[in-house]
C-alpha atoms as a PDB file:
ATOM      1  CA  MET A   1       0.011  -0.189   0.137  1.00  0.00           C
ATOM      2  CA  ARG A   2       1.297   3.556  -1.131  1.00  0.00           C
ATOM      3  CA  LEU A   3       0.456   6.267   1.263  1.00  0.00           C
ATOM      4  CA  VAL A   4       0.607   9.859  -0.073  1.00  0.00           C
ATOM      5  CA  ILE A   5      -0.228  13.292   1.763  1.00  0.00           C
ATOM      6  CA  ALA A   6      -0.124  15.887  -0.762  1.00  0.00           C
ATOM      7  CA  ARG A   7      -1.872  19.317  -1.108  1.00  0.00           C
ATOM      8  CA  CYS A   8      -3.680  18.525  -4.550  1.00  0.00           C
ATOM      9  CA  SER A   9      -6.675  19.358  -6.646  1.00  0.00           C
ATOM     10  CA  VAL A  10      -9.051  16.023  -8.258  1.00  0.00           C
ATOM     11  CA  ASP A  11     -10.994  16.021 -11.261  1.00  0.00           C
ATOM     12  CA  TYR A  12     -13.421  13.069 -12.378  1.00  0.00           C
ATOM     13  CA  ALA A  13     -14.511  12.532 -15.720  1.00  0.00           C
ATOM     14  CA  GLY A  14     -16.606   9.483 -16.571  1.00  0.00           C
ATOM     15  CA  ARG A  15     -20.652   9.030 -16.730  1.00  0.00           C
ATOM     16  CA  LEU A  16     -20.419  12.174 -14.351  1.00  0.00           C
ATOM     17  CA  THR A  17     -17.852  14.615 -13.922  1.00  0.00           C
ATOM     18  CA  ALA A  18     -16.977  16.263 -10.466  1.00  0.00           C
ATOM     19  CA  HIS A  19     -14.319  18.710  -9.080  1.00  0.00           C
ATOM     20  CA  LEU A  20     -12.480  18.528  -5.664  1.00  0.00           C
ATOM     21  CA  PRO A  21     -10.651  22.136  -5.207  1.00  0.00           C
ATOM     22  CA  SER A  22      -7.175  22.497  -3.986  1.00  0.00           C
ATOM     23  CA  ALA A  23      -6.716  21.109  -0.087  1.00  0.00           C
ATOM     24  CA  PRO A  24      -4.587  18.615   2.152  1.00  0.00           C
ATOM     25  CA  ARG A  25      -5.363  15.032   1.341  1.00  0.00           C
ATOM     26  CA  LEU A  26      -4.890  11.311   1.754  1.00  0.00           C
ATOM     27  CA  ILE A  27      -4.220   9.464  -1.507  1.00  0.00           C
ATOM     28  CA  LEU A  28      -4.301   5.691  -1.015  1.00  0.00           C
ATOM     29  CA  VAL A  29      -2.943   3.203  -3.999  1.00  0.00           C
ATOM     30  CA  LYS A  30      -3.863  -0.015  -2.664  1.00  0.00           C
ATOM     31  CA  ALA A  31      -2.219  -3.442  -4.257  1.00  0.00           C
ATOM     32  CA  ASP A  32      -5.440  -4.336  -5.611  1.00  0.00           C
ATOM     33  CA  GLY A  33      -5.005  -1.322  -7.866  1.00  0.00           C
ATOM     34  CA  SER A  34      -7.501   1.006  -6.464  1.00  0.00           C
ATOM     35  CA  VAL A  35      -7.025   4.265  -5.489  1.00  0.00           C
ATOM     36  CA  SER A  36      -9.032   6.827  -3.342  1.00  0.00           C
ATOM     37  CA  ILE A  37      -8.970  10.182  -2.149  1.00  0.00           C
ATOM     38  CA  HIS A  38      -9.482  10.577   1.615  1.00  0.00           C
ATOM     39  CA  ALA A  39     -10.001  13.920   3.412  1.00  0.00           C
ATOM     40  CA  ASP A  40      -9.691  14.418   7.697  1.00  0.00           C
ATOM     41  CA  ASP A  41     -12.706  13.630   7.974  1.00  0.00           C
ATOM     42  CA  ARG A  42     -15.917  11.121   7.253  1.00  0.00           C
ATOM     43  CA  ALA A  43     -14.835   8.479   8.976  1.00  0.00           C
ATOM     44  CA  TYR A  44     -13.771   5.051   6.087  1.00  0.00           C
ATOM     45  CA  LYS A  45     -15.775   6.710   3.097  1.00  0.00           C
ATOM     46  CA  PRO A  46     -13.166   8.442   0.266  1.00  0.00           C
ATOM     47  CA  LEU A  47     -14.194  11.701  -1.378  1.00  0.00           C
ATOM     48  CA  ASN A  48     -13.568  10.035  -4.722  1.00  0.00           C
ATOM     49  CA  TRP A  49     -12.242   6.727  -5.778  1.00  0.00           C
ATOM     50  CA  MET A  50     -11.524   4.799  -8.629  1.00  0.00           C
ATOM     51  CA  SER A  51     -12.180   1.027  -7.906  1.00  0.00           C
ATOM     52  CA  PRO A  52     -10.149  -2.247 -10.005  1.00  0.00           C
ATOM     53  CA  PRO A  53      -9.731  -2.687 -12.467  1.00  0.00           C
ATOM     54  CA  CYS A  54      -7.445   0.301 -13.165  1.00  0.00           C
ATOM     55  CA  THR A  55      -4.144   1.565 -14.039  1.00  0.00           C
ATOM     56  CA  LEU A  56      -2.485   4.739 -12.672  1.00  0.00           C
ATOM     57  CA  LYS A  57       0.189   6.755 -14.625  1.00  0.00           C
ATOM     58  CA  GLU A  58       2.392   9.331 -13.003  1.00  0.00           C
ATOM     59  CA  GLY A  59       3.080  12.121 -15.207  1.00  0.00           C
ATOM     60  CA  ASP A  60       6.357  13.689 -16.853  1.00  0.00           C
ATOM     61  CA  GLY A  61       7.763  16.054 -18.484  1.00  0.00           C
ATOM     62  CA  GLU A  62       5.374  19.342 -18.026  1.00  0.00           C
ATOM     63  CA  GLN A  63       3.050  17.275 -16.634  1.00  0.00           C
ATOM     64  CA  GLN A  64       4.954  15.682 -14.191  1.00  0.00           C
ATOM     65  CA  ASP A  65       2.381  16.785 -11.357  1.00  0.00           C
ATOM     66  CA  VAL A  66      -0.414  15.259 -12.689  1.00  0.00           C
ATOM     67  CA  TRP A  67      -1.493  11.649 -11.568  1.00  0.00           C
ATOM     68  CA  THR A  68      -4.164   9.873 -14.336  1.00  0.00           C
ATOM     69  CA  VAL A  69      -6.381   6.985 -13.156  1.00  0.00           C
ATOM     70  CA  ILE A  70      -8.223   5.007 -15.535  1.00  0.00           C
ATOM     71  CA  ASN A  71     -10.740   2.219 -15.558  1.00  0.00           C
ATOM     72  CA  LYS A  72     -11.524  -0.138 -17.879  1.00  0.00           C
ATOM     73  CA  ALA A  73     -14.766   2.433 -18.909  1.00  0.00           C
ATOM     74  CA  GLY A  74     -12.009   5.061 -19.734  1.00  0.00           C
ATOM     75  CA  GLU A  75     -13.081   6.839 -16.838  1.00  0.00           C
ATOM     76  CA  LYS A  76     -10.840   9.140 -15.625  1.00  0.00           C
ATOM     77  CA  LEU A  77      -9.765  10.434 -11.672  1.00  0.00           C
ATOM     78  CA  ILE A  78      -7.248  13.170 -12.343  1.00  0.00           C
ATOM     79  CA  ILE A  79      -5.311  14.309  -9.582  1.00  0.00           C
ATOM     80  CA  THR A  80      -2.801  17.368  -9.871  1.00  0.00           C
ATOM     81  CA  MET A  81      -0.267  17.518  -7.248  1.00  0.00           C
ATOM     82  CA  GLU A  82       0.722  20.908  -5.825  1.00  0.00           C
ATOM     83  CA  GLU A  83       3.081  19.921  -3.038  1.00  0.00           C
ATOM     84  CA  ILE A  84       3.600  16.126  -1.484  1.00  0.00           C
ATOM     85  CA  LEU A  85       3.905  16.263   2.277  1.00  0.00           C
ATOM     86  CA  HIS A  86       4.546  12.375   2.704  1.00  0.00           C
ATOM     87  CA  ASP A  87       5.213   9.769   0.257  1.00  0.00           C
ATOM     88  CA  SER A  88       5.600   6.183   1.662  1.00  0.00           C
ATOM     89  CA  SER A  89       5.055   2.240   0.909  1.00  0.00           C
ATOM     90  CA  HIS A  90       3.947  -0.873   2.772  1.00  0.00           C
ATOM     91  CA  GLU A  91       3.983  -4.215   2.318  1.00  0.00           C
ATOM     92  CA  LEU A  92       0.818  -5.341   4.662  1.00  0.00           C
ATOM     93  CA  GLY A  93       0.616  -9.033   2.580  1.00  0.00           C
ATOM     94  CA  VAL A  94      -2.550 -11.221   2.592  1.00  0.00           C
ATOM     95  CA  ASP A  95      -5.098  -9.839   4.679  1.00  0.00           C
ATOM     96  CA  PRO A  96      -6.606 -12.980   6.855  1.00  0.00           C
ATOM     97  CA  GLY A  97     -10.097 -11.876   6.149  1.00  0.00           C
ATOM     98  CA  LEU A  98     -12.850 -10.242   8.122  1.00  0.00           C
ATOM     99  CA  ILE A  99     -13.916 -12.785  10.828  1.00  0.00           C
ATOM    100  CA  LYS A 100     -18.034 -12.895  10.656  1.00  0.00           C
ATOM    101  CA  ASP A 101     -19.969 -12.960  13.848  1.00  0.00           C
ATOM    102  CA  GLY A 102     -21.850 -15.419  14.956  1.00  0.00           C
ATOM    103  CA  VAL A 103     -24.679 -14.770  13.034  1.00  0.00           C
ATOM    104  CA  GLU A 104     -23.095 -14.385   9.726  1.00  0.00           C
ATOM    105  CA  ALA A 105     -21.086 -17.309  10.095  1.00  0.00           C
ATOM    106  CA  HIS A 106     -24.484 -19.421  11.016  1.00  0.00           C
ATOM    107  CA  LEU A 107     -26.426 -17.818   7.563  1.00  0.00           C
ATOM    108  CA  GLN A 108     -23.298 -19.301   5.683  1.00  0.00           C
ATOM    109  CA  GLU A 109     -23.362 -22.872   7.191  1.00  0.00           C
ATOM    110  CA  LEU A 110     -27.730 -22.711   7.289  1.00  0.00           C
ATOM    111  CA  LEU A 111     -27.664 -21.325   3.439  1.00  0.00           C
ATOM    112  CA  ALA A 112     -24.910 -24.062   2.240  1.00  0.00           C
ATOM    113  CA  ASP A 113     -26.968 -27.278   4.488  1.00  0.00           C
ATOM    114  CA  ARG A 114     -30.292 -25.340   2.236  1.00  0.00           C
ATOM    115  CA  ILE A 115     -28.575 -24.055  -1.223  1.00  0.00           C
ATOM    116  CA  GLU A 116     -31.931 -24.677  -2.847  1.00  0.00           C
ATOM    117  CA  THR A 117     -33.353 -21.752  -0.570  1.00  0.00           C
ATOM    118  CA  LEU A 118     -31.175 -19.740  -3.974  1.00  0.00           C
ATOM    119  CA  GLY A 119     -33.402 -21.500  -6.111  1.00  0.00           C
ATOM    120  CA  GLU A 120     -34.695 -25.152  -7.349  1.00  0.00           C
ATOM    121  CA  GLY A 121     -31.741 -27.221  -8.807  1.00  0.00           C
ATOM    122  CA  TYR A 122     -28.954 -25.415  -7.045  1.00  0.00           C
ATOM    123  CA  THR A 123     -26.134 -27.599  -5.643  1.00  0.00           C
ATOM    124  CA  LEU A 124     -22.568 -26.361  -3.452  1.00  0.00           C
ATOM    125  CA  ILE A 125     -19.670 -26.480  -4.753  1.00  0.00           C
ATOM    126  CA  ARG A 126     -17.899 -25.030  -1.751  1.00  0.00           C
ATOM    127  CA  ARG A 127     -18.235 -22.891   1.551  1.00  0.00           C
ATOM    128  CA  GLU A 128     -15.267 -20.220   1.877  1.00  0.00           C
ATOM    129  CA  TYR A 129     -13.952 -20.587  -1.602  1.00  0.00           C
ATOM    130  CA  PRO A 130     -10.298 -19.256  -2.079  1.00  0.00           C
ATOM    131  CA  THR A 131      -9.322 -16.396  -3.476  1.00  0.00           C
ATOM    132  CA  ALA A 132      -6.303 -14.208  -3.566  1.00  0.00           C
ATOM    133  CA  ILE A 133      -8.054 -11.471  -1.950  1.00  0.00           C
ATOM    134  CA  GLY A 134      -9.699 -13.330   0.887  1.00  0.00           C
ATOM    135  CA  PRO A 135     -12.498 -16.529   0.437  1.00  0.00           C
ATOM    136  CA  VAL A 136     -15.954 -16.364  -0.919  1.00  0.00           C
ATOM    137  CA  ASP A 137     -18.635 -17.623   1.108  1.00  0.00           C
ATOM    138  CA  ILE A 138     -20.544 -19.966  -1.089  1.00  0.00           C
ATOM    139  CA  LEU A 139     -19.556 -21.109  -4.335  1.00  0.00           C
ATOM    140  CA  CYS A 140     -22.664 -22.902  -5.847  1.00  0.00           C
ATOM    141  CA  ARG A 141     -24.437 -23.660  -9.407  1.00  0.00           C
ATOM    142  CA  ASP A 142     -27.574 -23.010 -10.290  1.00  0.00           C
ATOM    143  CA  ALA A 143     -30.159 -25.261 -12.299  1.00  0.00           C
ATOM    144  CA  ASP A 144     -28.620 -24.177 -15.669  1.00  0.00           C
ATOM    145  CA  GLY A 145     -25.162 -25.826 -14.345  1.00  0.00           C
ATOM    146  CA  ALA A 146     -23.495 -21.612 -14.160  1.00  0.00           C
ATOM    147  CA  THR A 147     -21.203 -20.807 -11.229  1.00  0.00           C
ATOM    148  CA  VAL A 148     -22.613 -18.724  -8.689  1.00  0.00           C
ATOM    149  CA  ALA A 149     -20.478 -16.786  -5.654  1.00  0.00           C
ATOM    150  CA  VAL A 150     -22.391 -15.983  -2.852  1.00  0.00           C
ATOM    151  CA  GLU A 151     -21.444 -13.363  -0.625  1.00  0.00           C
ATOM    152  CA  ILE A 152     -23.506 -13.391   2.817  1.00  0.00           C
ATOM    153  CA  LYS A 153     -23.734 -10.634   5.064  1.00  0.00           C
ATOM    154  CA  ARG A 154     -26.202  -9.606   8.209  1.00  0.00           C
ATOM    155  CA  ARG A 155     -26.805  -6.180   6.902  1.00  0.00           C
ATOM    156  CA  GLY A 156     -26.178  -5.844   3.450  1.00  0.00           C
ATOM    157  CA  GLU A 157     -24.642  -2.368   2.781  1.00  0.00           C
ATOM    158  CA  ILE A 158     -22.665  -0.960  -0.202  1.00  0.00           C
ATOM    159  CA  ASP A 159     -19.493  -2.333   0.864  1.00  0.00           C
ATOM    160  CA  GLY A 160     -20.630  -5.940   1.011  1.00  0.00           C
ATOM    161  CA  VAL A 161     -21.420  -5.432  -3.049  1.00  0.00           C
ATOM    162  CA  GLU A 162     -18.162  -3.664  -3.833  1.00  0.00           C
ATOM    163  CA  GLN A 163     -16.731  -7.458  -2.086  1.00  0.00           C
ATOM    164  CA  LEU A 164     -18.905  -9.275  -4.052  1.00  0.00           C
ATOM    165  CA  THR A 165     -17.893  -7.477  -6.827  1.00  0.00           C
ATOM    166  CA  ARG A 166     -14.003  -7.597  -6.362  1.00  0.00           C
ATOM    167  CA  TYR A 167     -14.477 -11.573  -6.157  1.00  0.00           C
ATOM    168  CA  LEU A 168     -16.276 -11.899  -9.461  1.00  0.00           C
ATOM    169  CA  GLU A 169     -13.671 -10.028 -11.262  1.00  0.00           C
ATOM    170  CA  LEU A 170     -11.203 -12.764  -9.787  1.00  0.00           C
ATOM    171  CA  LEU A 171     -13.329 -15.776 -10.399  1.00  0.00           C
ATOM    172  CA  ASN A 172     -14.338 -14.585 -14.177  1.00  0.00           C
ATOM    173  CA  ARG A 173     -11.113 -15.207 -14.624  1.00  0.00           C
ATOM    174  CA  ASP A 174     -10.757 -18.715 -13.992  1.00  0.00           C
ATOM    175  CA  PRO A 175     -11.988 -20.489 -17.562  1.00  0.00           C
ATOM    176  CA  HIS A 176     -12.877 -23.337 -15.483  1.00  0.00           C
ATOM    177  CA  LEU A 177     -15.680 -21.358 -13.234  1.00  0.00           C
ATOM    178  CA  ALA A 178     -16.401 -18.524 -16.049  1.00  0.00           C
ATOM    179  CA  PRO A 179     -18.896 -17.146 -16.347  1.00  0.00           C
ATOM    180  CA  VAL A 180     -19.668 -16.702 -12.985  1.00  0.00           C
ATOM    181  CA  ARG A 181     -22.223 -14.518 -11.467  1.00  0.00           C
ATOM    182  CA  GLY A 182     -23.292 -13.196  -8.122  1.00  0.00           C
ATOM    183  CA  ILE A 183     -25.841 -12.743  -5.268  1.00  0.00           C
ATOM    184  CA  PHE A 184     -25.632 -10.675  -2.131  1.00  0.00           C
ATOM    185  CA  ALA A 185     -27.831 -12.262   0.277  1.00  0.00           C
ATOM    186  CA  ALA A 186     -28.437 -10.756   3.903  1.00  0.00           C
ATOM    187  CA  GLN A 187     -31.422 -10.775   6.566  1.00  0.00           C
ATOM    188  CA  GLU A 188     -31.618  -6.971   5.428  1.00  0.00           C
ATOM    189  CA  ILE A 189     -30.352  -5.281   2.295  1.00  0.00           C
ATOM    190  CA  LYS A 190     -30.108  -1.452   2.456  1.00  0.00           C
ATOM    191  CA  PRO A 191     -31.865   0.639  -0.467  1.00  0.00           C
ATOM    192  CA  GLN A 192     -28.624   1.916  -1.781  1.00  0.00           C
ATOM    193  CA  ALA A 193     -27.047  -1.467  -1.695  1.00  0.00           C
ATOM    194  CA  ARG A 194     -29.905  -3.083  -3.498  1.00  0.00           C
ATOM    195  CA  VAL A 195     -29.436  -0.309  -6.350  1.00  0.00           C
ATOM    196  CA  LEU A 196     -25.642  -1.041  -6.761  1.00  0.00           C
ATOM    197  CA  ALA A 197     -25.998  -4.747  -6.824  1.00  0.00           C
ATOM    198  CA  THR A 198     -28.672  -4.452  -9.658  1.00  0.00           C
ATOM    199  CA  ASP A 199     -26.753  -2.023 -11.365  1.00  0.00           C
ATOM    200  CA  ARG A 200     -23.785  -4.634 -11.409  1.00  0.00           C
ATOM    201  CA  GLY A 201     -25.712  -7.407 -12.471  1.00  0.00           C
ATOM    202  CA  ILE A 202     -25.849  -9.048  -9.191  1.00  0.00           C
ATOM    203  CA  GLY A 203     -28.563 -10.910  -7.522  1.00  0.00           C
ATOM    204  CA  CYS A 204     -30.190  -9.851  -4.154  1.00  0.00           C
ATOM    205  CA  GLN A 205     -31.657 -12.623  -1.441  1.00  0.00           C
ATOM    206  CA  VAL A 206     -33.304 -11.589   1.797  1.00  0.00           C
ATOM    207  CA  LEU A 207     -32.229 -14.491   4.033  1.00  0.00           C
ATOM    208  CA  ASP A 208     -34.878 -15.248   7.187  1.00  0.00           C
ATOM    209  CA  TYR A 209     -32.667 -16.493   9.546  1.00  0.00           C
ATOM    210  CA  ASP A 210     -35.637 -18.510  11.358  1.00  0.00           C
ATOM    211  CA  ALA A 211     -37.055 -20.371   8.479  1.00  0.00           C
ATOM    212  CA  LEU A 212     -33.477 -21.444   7.503  1.00  0.00           C
ATOM    213  CA  ARG A 213     -33.144 -22.802  11.016  1.00  0.00           C
ATOM    214  CA  GLY A 214     -36.464 -24.589  10.559  1.00  0.00           C
ATOM    215  CA  ILE A 215     -38.147 -22.660  13.024  1.00  0.00           C
ATOM    216  CA  GLU A 216     -41.986 -21.813  12.621  1.00  0.00           C
ATOM    217  CA  ASP A 217     -43.183 -18.085  13.662  1.00  0.00           C
ATOM    218  CA  ASP A 218     -45.458 -17.684  16.474  1.00  0.00           C
ATOM    219  CA  LYS A 219     -48.423 -16.753  14.934  1.00  0.00           C
ATOM    220  CA  LEU A 220     -51.584 -18.593  15.392  1.00  0.00           C
ATOM    221  CA  ARG A 221     -52.624 -20.536  12.887  1.00  0.00           C
ATOM    222  CA  LEU A 222     -55.959 -22.070  12.025  1.00  0.00           C
ATOM    223  CA  PHE A 223     -55.268 -25.449  10.707  1.00  0.00           C
END
Protein backbone atom coordinates (compact mmCIF):
# COMPACT_ATOMS: atom_id res chain seq x y z
CA MET A 1 0.00 0.00 0.00
CA ARG A 2 1.25 3.47 -0.90
CA LEU A 3 0.31 6.42 1.33
CA VAL A 4 0.64 9.91 -0.11
CA ILE A 5 -0.32 13.08 1.74
CA ALA A 6 -0.40 16.01 -0.65
CA ARG A 7 -1.99 19.32 -1.39
CA CYS A 8 -3.87 18.54 -4.57
CA SER A 9 -6.98 19.06 -6.66
CA VAL A 10 -8.96 16.18 -8.13
CA ASP A 11 -11.14 15.90 -11.23
CA TYR A 12 -13.32 12.93 -12.17
CA ALA A 13 -14.44 12.46 -15.78
CA GLY A 14 -16.81 9.64 -16.70
CA ARG A 15 -20.54 9.05 -16.53
CA LEU A 16 -20.54 12.21 -14.44
CA THR A 17 -17.97 14.89 -13.66
CA ALA A 18 -16.80 16.05 -10.25
CA HIS A 19 -14.17 18.46 -8.97
CA LEU A 20 -12.37 18.71 -5.64
CA PRO A 21 -10.59 22.06 -5.22
CA SER A 22 -7.07 22.31 -3.85
CA ALA A 23 -6.64 21.05 -0.25
CA PRO A 24 -4.40 18.71 1.75
CA ARG A 25 -5.59 15.11 1.27
CA LEU A 26 -4.58 11.49 1.80
CA ILE A 27 -4.20 9.36 -1.34
CA LEU A 28 -4.27 5.57 -0.94
CA VAL A 29 -2.91 3.38 -3.72
CA LYS A 30 -3.64 -0.26 -2.88
CA ALA A 31 -2.11 -3.46 -4.21
CA ASP A 32 -5.38 -4.33 -5.98
CA GLY A 33 -4.89 -1.21 -8.13
CA SER A 34 -7.56 0.92 -6.47
CA VAL A 35 -6.91 4.61 -5.80
CA SER A 36 -8.92 6.61 -3.26
CA ILE A 37 -8.81 10.21 -2.06
CA HIS A 38 -9.53 10.95 1.61
CA ALA A 39 -10.08 14.01 3.79
CA ASP A 40 -9.55 14.15 7.55
CA ASP A 41 -13.22 13.46 8.25
CA ARG A 42 -16.06 11.33 6.80
CA ALA A 43 -14.82 8.24 8.72
CA TYR A 44 -13.74 5.59 6.18
CA LYS A 45 -15.57 6.97 3.14
CA PRO A 46 -13.34 8.52 0.43
CA LEU A 47 -14.06 11.82 -1.29
CA ASN A 48 -13.50 10.12 -4.64
CA TRP A 49 -12.03 6.86 -5.82
CA MET A 50 -11.41 4.48 -8.72
CA SER A 51 -12.11 0.80 -8.21
CA PRO A 52 -10.02 -1.93 -9.86
CA PRO A 53 -9.27 -2.92 -12.51
CA CYS A 54 -7.65 0.41 -13.30
CA THR A 55 -4.21 1.81 -14.10
CA LEU A 56 -2.29 4.67 -12.52
CA LYS A 57 0.06 6.77 -14.62
CA GLU A 58 2.24 9.35 -12.91
CA GLY A 59 3.03 12.32 -15.10
CA ASP A 60 6.35 13.20 -16.65
CA GLY A 61 7.85 16.21 -18.36
CA GLU A 62 5.65 19.27 -18.09
CA GLN A 63 2.85 17.12 -16.62
CA GLN A 64 4.99 15.43 -13.94
CA ASP A 65 2.70 16.67 -11.15
CA VAL A 66 -0.42 15.10 -12.71
CA TRP A 67 -1.54 11.57 -11.87
CA THR A 68 -4.12 9.95 -14.14
CA VAL A 69 -6.10 6.88 -13.09
CA ILE A 70 -8.12 5.16 -15.85
CA ASN A 71 -10.53 2.24 -15.49
CA LYS A 72 -11.61 -0.26 -18.13
CA ALA A 73 -14.60 1.92 -19.05
CA GLY A 74 -12.27 4.81 -19.89
CA GLU A 75 -13.32 6.93 -16.91
CA LYS A 76 -10.54 9.09 -15.48
CA LEU A 77 -9.54 10.30 -12.04
CA ILE A 78 -7.04 13.14 -12.51
CA ILE A 79 -5.02 14.22 -9.46
CA THR A 80 -3.04 17.44 -9.79
CA MET A 81 -0.28 17.58 -7.18
CA GLU A 82 0.77 20.95 -5.82
CA GLU A 83 2.91 19.81 -2.89
CA ILE A 84 3.71 16.31 -1.62
CA LEU A 85 4.02 16.25 2.17
CA HIS A 86 4.52 12.50 2.64
CA ASP A 87 5.06 9.50 0.37
CA SER A 88 5.65 5.99 1.69
CA SER A 89 4.96 2.39 0.67
CA HIS A 90 4.20 -0.55 2.95
CA GLU A 91 3.85 -4.27 2.20
CA LEU A 92 0.83 -5.53 4.14
CA GLY A 93 0.76 -9.07 2.75
CA VAL A 94 -2.34 -11.22 2.36
CA ASP A 95 -5.08 -10.25 4.77
CA PRO A 96 -6.76 -13.13 6.63
CA GLY A 97 -10.13 -11.50 6.00
CA LEU A 98 -12.94 -10.43 8.25
CA ILE A 99 -13.98 -12.97 10.85
CA LYS A 100 -17.74 -13.06 10.69
CA ASP A 101 -19.86 -12.71 13.78
CA GLY A 102 -21.85 -15.69 15.00
CA VAL A 103 -24.97 -14.85 13.03
CA GLU A 104 -23.17 -14.41 9.69
CA ALA A 105 -21.17 -17.59 10.18
CA HIS A 106 -24.34 -19.49 11.06
CA LEU A 107 -26.19 -18.01 8.07
CA GLN A 108 -23.44 -19.28 5.82
CA GLU A 109 -23.60 -22.75 7.34
CA LEU A 110 -27.40 -22.89 7.15
CA LEU A 111 -27.57 -21.61 3.58
CA ALA A 112 -24.95 -24.11 2.45
CA ASP A 113 -27.07 -26.91 3.96
CA ARG A 114 -30.21 -25.48 2.35
CA ILE A 115 -28.73 -24.19 -0.90
CA GLU A 116 -32.06 -24.73 -2.66
CA THR A 117 -33.21 -21.60 -0.80
CA LEU A 118 -31.52 -19.68 -3.64
CA GLY A 119 -33.56 -21.52 -6.25
CA GLU A 120 -34.67 -24.95 -7.37
CA GLY A 121 -31.83 -27.04 -8.75
CA TYR A 122 -29.00 -25.19 -6.99
CA THR A 123 -26.07 -27.35 -5.84
CA LEU A 124 -23.18 -26.49 -3.51
CA ILE A 125 -19.60 -26.46 -4.79
CA ARG A 126 -17.90 -25.27 -1.60
CA ARG A 127 -18.14 -22.98 1.38
CA GLU A 128 -15.28 -20.50 1.89
CA TYR A 129 -14.03 -20.87 -1.68
CA PRO A 130 -10.48 -19.41 -1.68
CA THR A 131 -9.38 -16.46 -3.84
CA ALA A 132 -6.28 -14.27 -3.76
CA ILE A 133 -8.16 -11.59 -1.78
CA GLY A 134 -10.05 -13.83 0.63
CA PRO A 135 -12.64 -16.60 0.63
CA VAL A 136 -16.01 -16.37 -1.11
CA ASP A 137 -18.72 -17.35 1.37
CA ILE A 138 -20.43 -19.86 -0.92
CA LEU A 139 -19.70 -21.05 -4.44
CA CYS A 140 -22.50 -23.03 -6.06
CA ARG A 141 -24.17 -23.89 -9.38
CA ASP A 142 -27.67 -23.01 -10.49
CA ALA A 143 -30.10 -25.33 -12.23
CA ASP A 144 -28.43 -24.62 -15.59
CA GLY A 145 -24.98 -25.49 -14.25
CA ALA A 146 -23.73 -21.89 -14.20
CA THR A 147 -21.39 -20.84 -11.39
CA VAL A 148 -22.77 -18.53 -8.71
CA ALA A 149 -20.79 -16.73 -5.98
CA VAL A 150 -22.72 -15.80 -2.85
CA GLU A 151 -21.66 -13.15 -0.34
CA ILE A 152 -23.54 -13.34 2.97
CA LYS A 153 -24.07 -10.48 5.41
CA ARG A 154 -26.28 -9.91 8.41
CA ARG A 155 -26.95 -6.39 7.16
CA GLY A 156 -26.37 -5.84 3.44
CA GLU A 157 -24.69 -2.52 2.70
CA ILE A 158 -22.70 -1.04 -0.19
CA ASP A 159 -19.37 -2.35 1.17
CA GLY A 160 -20.65 -5.91 0.84
CA VAL A 161 -21.60 -5.34 -2.81
CA GLU A 162 -18.13 -3.91 -3.48
CA GLN A 163 -16.56 -6.97 -1.82
CA LEU A 164 -18.59 -9.36 -3.97
CA THR A 165 -17.71 -7.32 -7.09
CA ARG A 166 -14.00 -7.86 -6.39
CA TYR A 167 -14.54 -11.60 -5.93
CA LEU A 168 -16.46 -11.82 -9.21
CA GLU A 169 -13.68 -10.00 -11.05
CA LEU A 170 -11.19 -12.66 -9.92
CA LEU A 171 -13.46 -15.68 -10.33
CA ASN A 172 -14.35 -14.71 -13.88
CA ARG A 173 -10.67 -14.95 -14.83
CA ASP A 174 -10.82 -18.71 -14.16
CA PRO A 175 -11.94 -20.46 -17.38
CA HIS A 176 -13.10 -23.47 -15.35
CA LEU A 177 -15.63 -21.30 -13.48
CA ALA A 178 -16.52 -18.46 -15.86
CA PRO A 179 -19.00 -17.04 -16.39
CA VAL A 180 -19.67 -16.44 -12.69
CA ARG A 181 -22.59 -14.31 -11.49
CA GLY A 182 -23.16 -13.05 -7.98
CA ILE A 183 -25.87 -13.14 -5.34
CA PHE A 184 -25.77 -10.73 -2.40
CA ALA A 185 -27.60 -12.41 0.50
CA ALA A 186 -28.46 -10.80 3.82
CA GLN A 187 -31.14 -10.63 6.48
CA GLU A 188 -31.65 -6.98 5.51
CA ILE A 189 -30.45 -5.26 2.33
CA LYS A 190 -30.18 -1.47 2.35
CA PRO A 191 -31.83 0.30 -0.62
CA GLN A 192 -28.54 1.84 -1.78
CA ALA A 193 -26.86 -1.58 -1.74
CA ARG A 194 -29.71 -3.09 -3.75
CA VAL A 195 -29.46 -0.33 -6.37
CA LEU A 196 -25.68 -0.82 -6.70
CA ALA A 197 -26.03 -4.62 -6.90
CA THR A 198 -28.70 -4.35 -9.59
CA ASP A 199 -26.55 -1.91 -11.57
CA ARG A 200 -23.71 -4.46 -11.54
CA GLY A 201 -25.88 -7.42 -12.48
CA ILE A 202 -25.74 -8.93 -9.00
CA GLY A 203 -28.85 -10.60 -7.60
CA CYS A 204 -30.17 -9.91 -4.11
CA GLN A 205 -31.61 -12.48 -1.71
CA VAL A 206 -33.16 -11.62 1.67
CA LEU A 207 -32.51 -14.42 4.16
CA ASP A 208 -34.95 -15.43 6.88
CA TYR A 209 -32.75 -16.65 9.71
CA ASP A 210 -35.51 -18.46 11.56
CA ALA A 211 -36.80 -20.14 8.40
CA LEU A 212 -33.29 -21.40 7.60
CA ARG A 213 -33.07 -22.78 11.12
CA GLY A 214 -36.40 -24.51 10.61
CA ILE A 215 -38.16 -22.49 13.31
CA GLU A 216 -41.85 -21.81 12.71
CA ASP A 217 -43.11 -18.33 13.47
CA ASP A 218 -45.31 -17.95 16.54
CA LYS A 219 -48.40 -16.58 14.76
CA LEU A 220 -51.61 -18.46 15.49
CA ARG A 221 -52.83 -20.63 12.65
CA LEU A 222 -56.30 -22.13 12.16
CA PHE A 223 -54.83 -25.27 10.59
